[in-house]
Amino acid sequence: MILGFCGAPWTLMSYMIEGGGSKTFAKAKAWLYKWPEASHKLMRILTDVLVIYLDAQVKAGAQLLQVFDSWAGELSPHAFRTFALPYLKEIAETTKQKHPQVRYLYGSTLPF
């Protein structure tokens, strides 16, 4: 089975704002609360690009998809539901509509 994968919008946004990895992701979390509209706009752009990216992976032979949200555990439950979950759901729903034969590999290390 061929696996296609990508980073989740929140994880990618975190790296973009932090400029790399971080122990606390303080800059990225502060950005969410200081500029929520801009945060949603960036998450929207990333989501649209990730759907295109996963679509290309399926067309290239991927049979199973996984979206890694490596830093989701850095968000509070409320922030996760507000800033991450809607975009994760959209990625899954959109790719599933385009490619109903493709399965998703789900997993979570979230504390909630």
Protein backbone atom coordinates (compact mmCIF):
# COMPACT_ATOMS: atom_id res chain seq x y z
CA MET A 1 0.00 0.00 0.00
CA ILE A 2 1.31 3.46 -0.91
CA LEU A 3 0.99 6.16 1.76
CA GLY A 4 0.47 9.82 0.90
CA PHE A 5 0.91 12.38 3.65
CA CYS A 6 1.33 16.01 4.56
CA GLY A 7 1.65 18.26 7.57
CA ALA A 8 -1.53 19.79 8.93
CA PRO A 9 -2.29 23.50 8.51
CA TRP A 10 -1.63 24.31 12.19
CA THR A 11 1.68 22.43 12.16
CA LEU A 12 2.82 24.17 8.98
CA MET A 13 1.66 27.55 10.27
CA SER A 14 3.60 26.95 13.49
CA TYR A 15 6.82 26.34 11.59
CA MET A 16 6.19 29.38 9.41
CA ILE A 17 5.70 31.72 12.38
CA GLU A 18 8.38 30.21 14.61
CA GLY A 19 10.89 29.94 11.78
CA GLY A 20 11.49 26.28 12.67
CA GLY A 21 10.83 23.97 15.58
CA SER A 22 10.18 25.21 19.09
CA LYS A 23 9.79 23.86 22.59
CA THR A 24 6.79 26.05 23.43
CA PHE A 25 5.47 27.45 20.13
CA ALA A 26 4.84 30.67 22.04
CA LYS A 27 5.10 32.88 18.93
CA ALA A 28 2.67 30.75 16.95
CA LYS A 29 0.14 30.54 19.78
CA ALA A 30 0.40 34.28 20.43
CA TRP A 31 -0.20 34.89 16.72
CA LEU A 32 -3.46 32.90 16.86
CA TYR A 33 -4.89 35.05 19.63
CA LYS A 34 -3.47 38.38 18.53
CA TRP A 35 -4.53 38.01 14.89
CA PRO A 36 -7.35 35.44 14.69
CA GLU A 37 -8.62 36.66 11.31
CA ALA A 38 -5.17 36.50 9.76
CA SER A 39 -4.70 33.08 11.35
CA HIS A 40 -7.87 31.78 9.73
CA LYS A 41 -6.84 33.31 6.41
CA LEU A 42 -3.47 31.56 6.52
CA MET A 43 -5.10 28.27 7.59
CA ARG A 44 -7.52 28.63 4.64
CA ILE A 45 -4.64 29.11 2.19
CA LEU A 46 -2.73 26.16 3.65
CA THR A 47 -5.84 23.97 3.58
CA ASP A 48 -6.49 24.74 -0.08
CA VAL A 49 -2.88 23.97 -0.99
CA LEU A 50 -2.85 20.75 1.05
CA VAL A 51 -6.00 19.48 -0.69
CA ILE A 52 -4.27 20.03 -4.04
CA TYR A 53 -1.11 18.36 -2.74
CA LEU A 54 -2.95 15.28 -1.44
CA ASP A 55 -4.98 15.09 -4.65
CA ALA A 56 -1.71 14.96 -6.61
CA GLN A 57 -0.41 12.21 -4.35
CA VAL A 58 -3.51 10.11 -4.96
CA LYS A 59 -3.22 10.66 -8.70
CA ALA A 60 0.40 9.49 -8.40
CA GLY A 61 -0.70 6.26 -6.70
CA ALA A 62 -1.27 6.92 -3.00
CA GLN A 63 -3.91 4.58 -1.59
CA LEU A 64 -3.85 5.72 2.03
CA LEU A 65 -3.56 9.30 3.31
CA GLN A 66 -2.42 10.74 6.61
CA VAL A 67 -2.29 14.34 7.77
CA PHE A 68 0.23 14.87 10.55
CA ASP A 69 -0.72 17.54 13.08
CA SER A 70 2.48 17.22 15.05
CA TRP A 71 1.86 20.28 17.20
CA ALA A 72 -1.89 19.96 17.85
CA GLY A 73 -1.12 19.06 21.46
CA GLU A 74 0.29 22.56 21.93
CA LEU A 75 -3.21 24.01 21.55
CA SER A 76 -5.88 24.14 24.24
CA PRO A 77 -9.00 22.10 23.42
CA HIS A 78 -10.85 25.32 22.53
CA ALA A 79 -8.04 26.60 20.30
CA PHE A 80 -7.82 23.20 18.60
CA ARG A 81 -11.57 23.18 17.89
CA THR A 82 -11.38 26.78 16.62
CA PHE A 83 -8.14 26.91 14.65
CA ALA A 84 -7.22 23.35 13.67
CA LEU A 85 -10.12 20.92 13.60
CA PRO A 86 -12.29 22.68 10.97
CA TYR A 87 -9.40 22.64 8.49
CA LEU A 88 -8.49 19.02 9.22
CA LYS A 89 -12.11 18.02 8.64
CA GLU A 90 -12.23 19.96 5.38
CA ILE A 91 -9.07 18.32 4.09
CA ALA A 92 -10.44 14.85 4.89
CA GLU A 93 -13.92 15.54 3.50
CA THR A 94 -12.69 17.17 0.30
CA THR A 95 -10.16 14.49 -0.54
CA LYS A 96 -12.70 11.78 0.32
CA GLN A 97 -15.22 13.37 -2.07
CA LYS A 98 -12.66 13.46 -4.87
CA HIS A 99 -11.27 10.00 -4.13
CA PRO A 100 -13.78 7.82 -2.27
CA GLN A 101 -11.57 4.77 -2.73
CA VAL A 102 -8.74 6.27 -0.68
CA ARG A 103 -8.61 5.52 3.02
CA TYR A 104 -7.35 7.76 5.79
CA LEU A 105 -5.00 6.68 8.53
CA TYR A 106 -6.15 8.35 11.72
CA GLY A 107 -4.24 8.63 14.91
CA SER A 108 -3.86 11.07 17.70
CA THR A 109 -1.53 11.85 20.52
CA LEU A 110 -3.74 14.66 21.74
CA PRO A 111 -4.27 14.88 25.50
CA PHE A 112 -8.01 15.54 25.08
